[in-house]
Each structure stands twice: as structure tokens, then as C-alpha cells.
Amino acid sequence: MGVNVFPNGIKLQGSAKETLRDGSISIDDLLVEYEYLVETEGKQYSELYIEEIVRRKPGELIDYKFLMFGSEVGAILVYANRGTAGYCKSTFDKEWNRVDDKGCFGTERKQEHKYGKTAICGIVERPTFHEELERAAKILGAGLGVFMRIDFMVDHVTGDVFLGEVSPWPDGGSSHCYSVGGDSCHLSRMWKGLEGGPGSVKPERVEEFEEEQDKCKFVMDHNKNKI
């Protein structure tokens, strides 16, 4: 896939600044690059997707990330004050209850009271437009039919909402901050077909454990070397 970022737009004549290459390129040279990808990788590009760059000052946008299992909301992550000294993250269930009070859990089973190097937010009020965001996430989740994190960037001053990113592999699958009653595997129990498609084959050793927590620990340890 070819991705290019033109902060000042692209010109039909002459060259334009391209952020990812830290230089400039003309539209003719850009098309040559895409043709090269087709020839060398056998990919077919029948469409070009052009998106406007969202220009905001640091901290002006709040990021709402919905962990979707099909059309079912598993959790909501909120990233606030990005790009400032007050940058922080928080995690809620679908009823807007905090579920990161036990800290965060990683592939090494280490529990921390912060998101890596990022602080956990204090009180985060449920936004007045939460239902609209949730409805949009459910529509997209149902259409995708698989587990997906669906992100919305919101400008609380203007009310503008932007679709930020969709990711099937949040944080590289290396950590999460969702715990109910100290059970860090609560979210994984939603993986029962709601995400669509057949379930993956269980490792044989999983069947040796009687307690769900032991199964969860084994799977976490089993997969950490794959991340």
C-alpha cells in the first residue's frame, strides 16, 4: 500500500512537499511509484483515497477508541491532552464505568498503574454526544463483522468529529488496562463469535487447566513471544 502526506496539498504542475519522505515529489513521479508497486508486488490500484489533514493544536482533540466485537462494545478508551504535558489515558466499560483502577496488564503479567509511560486520567465525564459515537461505532462494527478498535477524534469546542483509525491489533496485542473485579481476562470472554468468523484453535495445553484464570495466564505467556 502506498501512503503519502501532503501538508500543503498537491499540485498538478511542479512538486509538492511530502511529509513522510521529508522532501518533495511531483504528481507524475508519484504515479510512477504506484505503477512500480503494481509491477513488483502484483497489486492492483483501482482507486485513490484522498483525506483532508486535520489541523488542530496539541490537546484540542480527544480520542475515543471503541473496542468492538462486531456490533458489541467491549470497552472504550479515552486519550486526552495529546501532545501536552497533561497527556493521559483511561478505560471504561460500555456503561461508562472505569475499569482501569487495577492498573494495566502486559504480556509479562506485570501490573502497572499507568499506561506505559502515560498517566491514567483522573475524572473523565461522559460526553454529551457519547450515544452518537457509540451508535456510529456499532454500525461500523456490524459492517466489519470482526473484532476491531474504532477511533473517533472529537473537537469539544467546534463539535467536529473525525474517524481516526481502525485497528484489529490495538497496542500490538501487548497490553490492556481493562479489569473487572481484578480479572484481567474479562474482555477476552467476549470473544465468543460476536467478532465474526470461526474461533482460533485452542492450544492443547489449555484444556489441562481447570480455572479460567490459569487458562488466560497460559495464553498470555504462550503468545508473548509472537508479539
Protein backbone atom coordinates (compact mmCIF):
# COMPACT_ATOMS: atom_id res chain seq x y z
CA MET A 1 0.00 0.00 0.00
CA GLY A 2 1.29 3.47 -0.85
CA VAL A 3 0.67 6.25 1.67
CA ASN A 4 1.64 9.88 1.13
CA VAL A 5 1.08 13.01 3.20
CA PHE A 6 0.98 16.43 1.52
CA PRO A 7 0.58 19.10 4.24
CA ASN A 8 0.16 21.89 1.68
CA GLY A 9 -1.80 19.92 -0.90
CA ILE A 10 -0.53 18.52 -4.18
CA LYS A 11 -0.03 20.42 -7.41
CA LEU A 12 -0.85 19.24 -10.93
CA GLN A 13 2.26 21.08 -12.09
CA GLY A 14 5.58 21.10 -10.26
CA SER A 15 6.46 19.40 -6.96
CA ALA A 16 4.78 19.42 -3.57
CA LYS A 17 6.16 18.82 -0.08
CA GLU A 18 5.63 15.23 1.11
CA THR A 19 5.99 14.71 4.86
CA LEU A 20 6.86 11.01 5.01
CA ARG A 21 9.85 11.34 2.68
CA ASP A 22 10.99 14.69 4.15
CA GLY A 23 11.17 16.13 0.67
CA SER A 24 9.07 16.95 -2.40
CA ILE A 25 7.60 14.96 -5.27
CA SER A 26 5.60 15.72 -8.40
CA ILE A 27 2.32 14.02 -9.23
CA ASP A 28 3.94 12.41 -12.27
CA ASP A 29 6.70 10.84 -10.12
CA LEU A 30 4.08 9.75 -7.59
CA LEU A 31 2.14 7.88 -10.28
CA VAL A 32 5.37 6.20 -11.42
CA GLU A 33 5.91 4.96 -7.85
CA TYR A 34 2.41 3.47 -7.77
CA GLU A 35 2.97 1.77 -11.11
CA TYR A 36 6.18 0.30 -9.71
CA LEU A 37 4.25 -1.17 -6.77
CA VAL A 38 1.84 -2.81 -9.19
CA GLU A 39 4.68 -4.32 -11.22
CA THR A 40 6.82 -5.52 -8.31
CA GLU A 41 4.15 -6.60 -5.83
CA GLY A 42 1.38 -7.57 -8.20
CA LYS A 43 -1.04 -5.21 -6.51
CA GLN A 44 -3.86 -3.54 -8.37
CA TYR A 45 -4.72 0.05 -7.51
CA SER A 46 -8.08 0.95 -8.98
CA GLU A 47 -8.83 3.80 -6.57
CA LEU A 48 -7.08 6.59 -4.73
CA TYR A 49 -8.37 7.70 -1.33
CA ILE A 50 -7.72 11.35 -0.50
CA GLU A 51 -8.28 12.64 3.02
CA GLU A 52 -8.01 16.17 4.39
CA ILE A 53 -5.32 16.74 7.03
CA VAL A 54 -6.91 17.56 10.39
CA ARG A 55 -5.13 20.62 11.72
CA ARG A 56 -5.52 21.21 15.45
CA LYS A 57 -3.28 22.49 18.23
CA PRO A 58 -1.93 19.96 20.79
CA GLY A 59 -4.62 18.90 23.24
CA GLU A 60 -7.57 20.23 21.23
CA LEU A 61 -8.77 16.80 20.14
CA ILE A 62 -9.90 14.00 22.46
CA ASP A 63 -9.56 10.46 21.11
CA TYR A 64 -12.40 8.00 21.82
CA LYS A 65 -11.44 4.43 20.93
CA PHE A 66 -14.17 1.76 20.88
CA LEU A 67 -13.14 -1.89 21.19
CA MET A 68 -15.82 -3.55 19.08
CA PHE A 69 -16.75 -7.24 18.88
CA GLY A 70 -18.94 -6.99 15.82
CA SER A 71 -21.65 -4.56 16.94
CA GLU A 72 -20.98 -5.18 20.65
CA VAL A 73 -19.00 -2.60 22.62
CA GLY A 74 -16.29 -4.27 24.70
CA ALA A 75 -14.56 -1.21 26.11
CA ILE A 76 -13.95 2.49 25.44
CA LEU A 77 -10.51 4.06 25.66
CA VAL A 78 -10.20 7.82 26.05
CA TYR A 79 -6.94 9.63 25.25
CA ALA A 80 -6.90 13.28 26.35
CA ASN A 81 -4.47 16.22 26.14
CA ARG A 82 -2.37 14.51 23.47
CA GLY A 83 0.76 16.48 22.66
CA THR A 84 0.84 18.26 26.04
CA ALA A 85 2.36 17.60 29.46
CA GLY A 86 -1.09 16.53 30.68
CA TYR A 87 -1.44 13.65 28.18
CA CYS A 88 -3.36 10.79 29.81
CA LYS A 89 -5.45 7.72 29.02
CA SER A 90 -8.41 6.00 30.63
CA THR A 91 -10.61 2.94 30.01
CA PHE A 92 -14.37 2.47 30.52
CA ASP A 93 -16.92 -0.25 30.01
CA LYS A 94 -19.94 0.41 27.78
CA GLU A 95 -21.85 1.89 30.75
CA TRP A 96 -19.03 4.42 31.28
CA ASN A 97 -17.71 2.77 34.46
CA ARG A 98 -13.95 2.97 34.99
CA VAL A 99 -12.26 -0.41 34.52
CA ASP A 100 -8.59 0.64 34.72
CA ASP A 101 -8.49 1.07 38.51
CA LYS A 102 -6.38 -2.10 38.85
CA GLY A 103 -3.71 -0.72 36.53
CA CYS A 104 -2.55 -2.22 33.25
CA PHE A 105 -1.54 -5.74 32.28
CA GLY A 106 1.08 -6.75 29.73
CA THR A 107 2.47 -9.90 28.18
CA GLU A 108 4.90 -10.22 31.09
CA ARG A 109 1.95 -10.26 33.50
CA LYS A 110 3.30 -7.06 35.03
CA GLN A 111 0.66 -4.86 36.58
CA GLU A 112 1.26 -1.12 36.42
CA HIS A 113 -0.78 1.87 37.49
CA LYS A 114 -0.13 3.72 34.25
CA TYR A 115 -0.37 3.14 30.50
CA GLY A 116 3.29 2.51 29.78
CA LYS A 117 4.84 5.97 30.15
CA THR A 118 1.46 7.68 30.01
CA ALA A 119 -0.52 8.64 33.10
CA ILE A 120 -4.02 7.39 33.87
CA CYS A 121 -6.53 10.25 33.66
CA GLY A 122 -8.40 11.50 36.67
CA ILE A 123 -12.15 12.08 36.41
CA VAL A 124 -13.38 11.93 32.80
CA GLU A 125 -17.00 12.95 32.32
CA ARG A 126 -19.17 11.04 29.89
CA PRO A 127 -19.52 13.33 26.84
CA THR A 128 -22.97 14.56 25.87
CA PHE A 129 -22.50 13.09 22.37
CA HIS A 130 -21.49 9.64 23.64
CA GLU A 131 -24.60 7.95 22.27
CA GLU A 132 -23.90 9.28 18.77
CA LEU A 133 -20.31 7.98 18.87
CA GLU A 134 -21.45 4.61 20.19
CA ARG A 135 -24.12 4.31 17.50
CA ALA A 136 -21.54 5.05 14.80
CA ALA A 137 -19.12 2.51 16.29
CA LYS A 138 -21.84 -0.14 16.36
CA ILE A 139 -22.78 0.49 12.74
CA LEU A 140 -19.16 0.26 11.61
CA GLY A 141 -18.52 -2.76 13.84
CA ALA A 142 -21.54 -4.63 12.48
CA GLY A 143 -20.44 -3.87 8.92
CA LEU A 144 -16.89 -5.08 9.54
CA GLY A 145 -18.06 -8.20 11.36
CA VAL A 146 -14.74 -8.78 13.14
CA PHE A 147 -13.03 -7.55 16.29
CA MET A 148 -11.85 -4.01 15.64
CA ARG A 149 -10.83 -0.92 17.55
CA ILE A 150 -12.66 2.05 16.01
CA ASP A 151 -11.34 5.53 16.84
CA PHE A 152 -13.05 8.90 16.75
CA MET A 153 -11.26 12.22 17.25
CA VAL A 154 -13.51 14.92 18.70
CA ASP A 155 -13.04 18.68 18.91
CA HIS A 156 -15.02 19.63 22.00
CA VAL A 157 -15.01 23.32 21.03
CA THR A 158 -16.39 23.08 17.48
CA GLY A 159 -18.14 19.72 17.86
CA ASP A 160 -16.30 18.32 14.84
CA VAL A 161 -15.92 14.52 14.80
CA PHE A 162 -13.31 12.70 12.71
CA LEU A 163 -12.89 8.99 12.07
CA GLY A 164 -9.33 8.47 13.24
CA GLU A 165 -8.25 4.87 12.75
CA VAL A 166 -9.48 1.28 12.76
CA SER A 167 -7.12 -1.34 14.16
CA PRO A 168 -7.53 -5.13 14.57
CA TRP A 169 -4.39 -5.27 16.72
CA PRO A 170 -4.54 -2.49 19.38
CA ASP A 171 -1.17 -1.75 21.01
CA GLY A 172 0.28 -4.73 19.16
CA GLY A 173 -1.74 -7.01 21.45
CA SER A 174 0.92 -6.46 24.11
CA SER A 175 -1.12 -4.86 26.91
CA HIS A 176 -4.52 -3.72 28.11
CA CYS A 177 -5.96 -1.85 31.07
CA TYR A 178 -9.38 -3.50 31.40
CA SER A 179 -10.13 -5.33 34.64
CA VAL A 180 -13.37 -6.26 36.38
CA GLY A 181 -13.02 -7.35 39.99
CA GLY A 182 -9.31 -7.90 39.43
CA ASP A 183 -9.98 -10.24 36.50
CA SER A 184 -7.70 -9.03 33.70
CA CYS A 185 -9.13 -11.57 31.23
CA HIS A 186 -12.68 -10.28 31.43
CA LEU A 187 -12.57 -8.67 27.99
CA SER A 188 -11.34 -11.85 26.29
CA ARG A 189 -14.51 -13.64 27.40
CA MET A 190 -16.44 -11.60 24.86
CA TRP A 191 -14.57 -13.44 22.09
CA LYS A 192 -17.35 -15.97 21.54
CA GLY A 193 -18.39 -15.39 17.97
CA LEU A 194 -19.53 -11.79 18.39
CA GLU A 195 -16.45 -10.73 16.45
CA GLY A 196 -17.45 -12.90 13.49
CA GLY A 197 -15.74 -15.81 11.81
CA PRO A 198 -14.62 -19.14 13.29
CA GLY A 199 -12.67 -19.11 16.56
CA SER A 200 -8.98 -19.96 16.55
CA VAL A 201 -7.86 -23.40 17.56
CA LYS A 202 -7.11 -23.67 21.28
CA PRO A 203 -3.63 -24.89 22.27
CA GLU A 204 -3.99 -28.42 23.63
CA ARG A 205 -2.42 -27.47 26.95
CA VAL A 206 -5.23 -25.01 27.66
CA GLU A 207 -7.53 -27.96 28.36
CA GLU A 208 -5.25 -29.05 31.22
CA PHE A 209 -6.30 -26.10 33.37
CA GLU A 210 -9.46 -26.12 35.43
CA GLU A 211 -9.52 -22.42 36.35
CA GLU A 212 -10.24 -19.77 33.72
CA GLN A 213 -7.55 -17.52 35.19
CA ASP A 214 -4.93 -20.26 34.64
CA LYS A 215 -6.04 -20.66 31.03
CA CYS A 216 -5.79 -16.94 30.49
CA LYS A 217 -2.31 -16.76 32.02
CA PHE A 218 -1.10 -19.60 29.81
CA VAL A 219 -2.46 -18.00 26.64
CA MET A 220 -0.85 -14.65 27.55
CA ASP A 221 2.51 -16.35 28.20
CA HIS A 222 2.12 -18.56 25.12
CA ASN A 223 1.60 -15.57 22.81
CA LYS A 224 4.11 -13.10 24.25
CA ASN A 225 6.93 -14.40 22.06
CA LYS A 226 4.80 -13.84 18.95
CA ILE A 227 4.38 -10.14 19.60
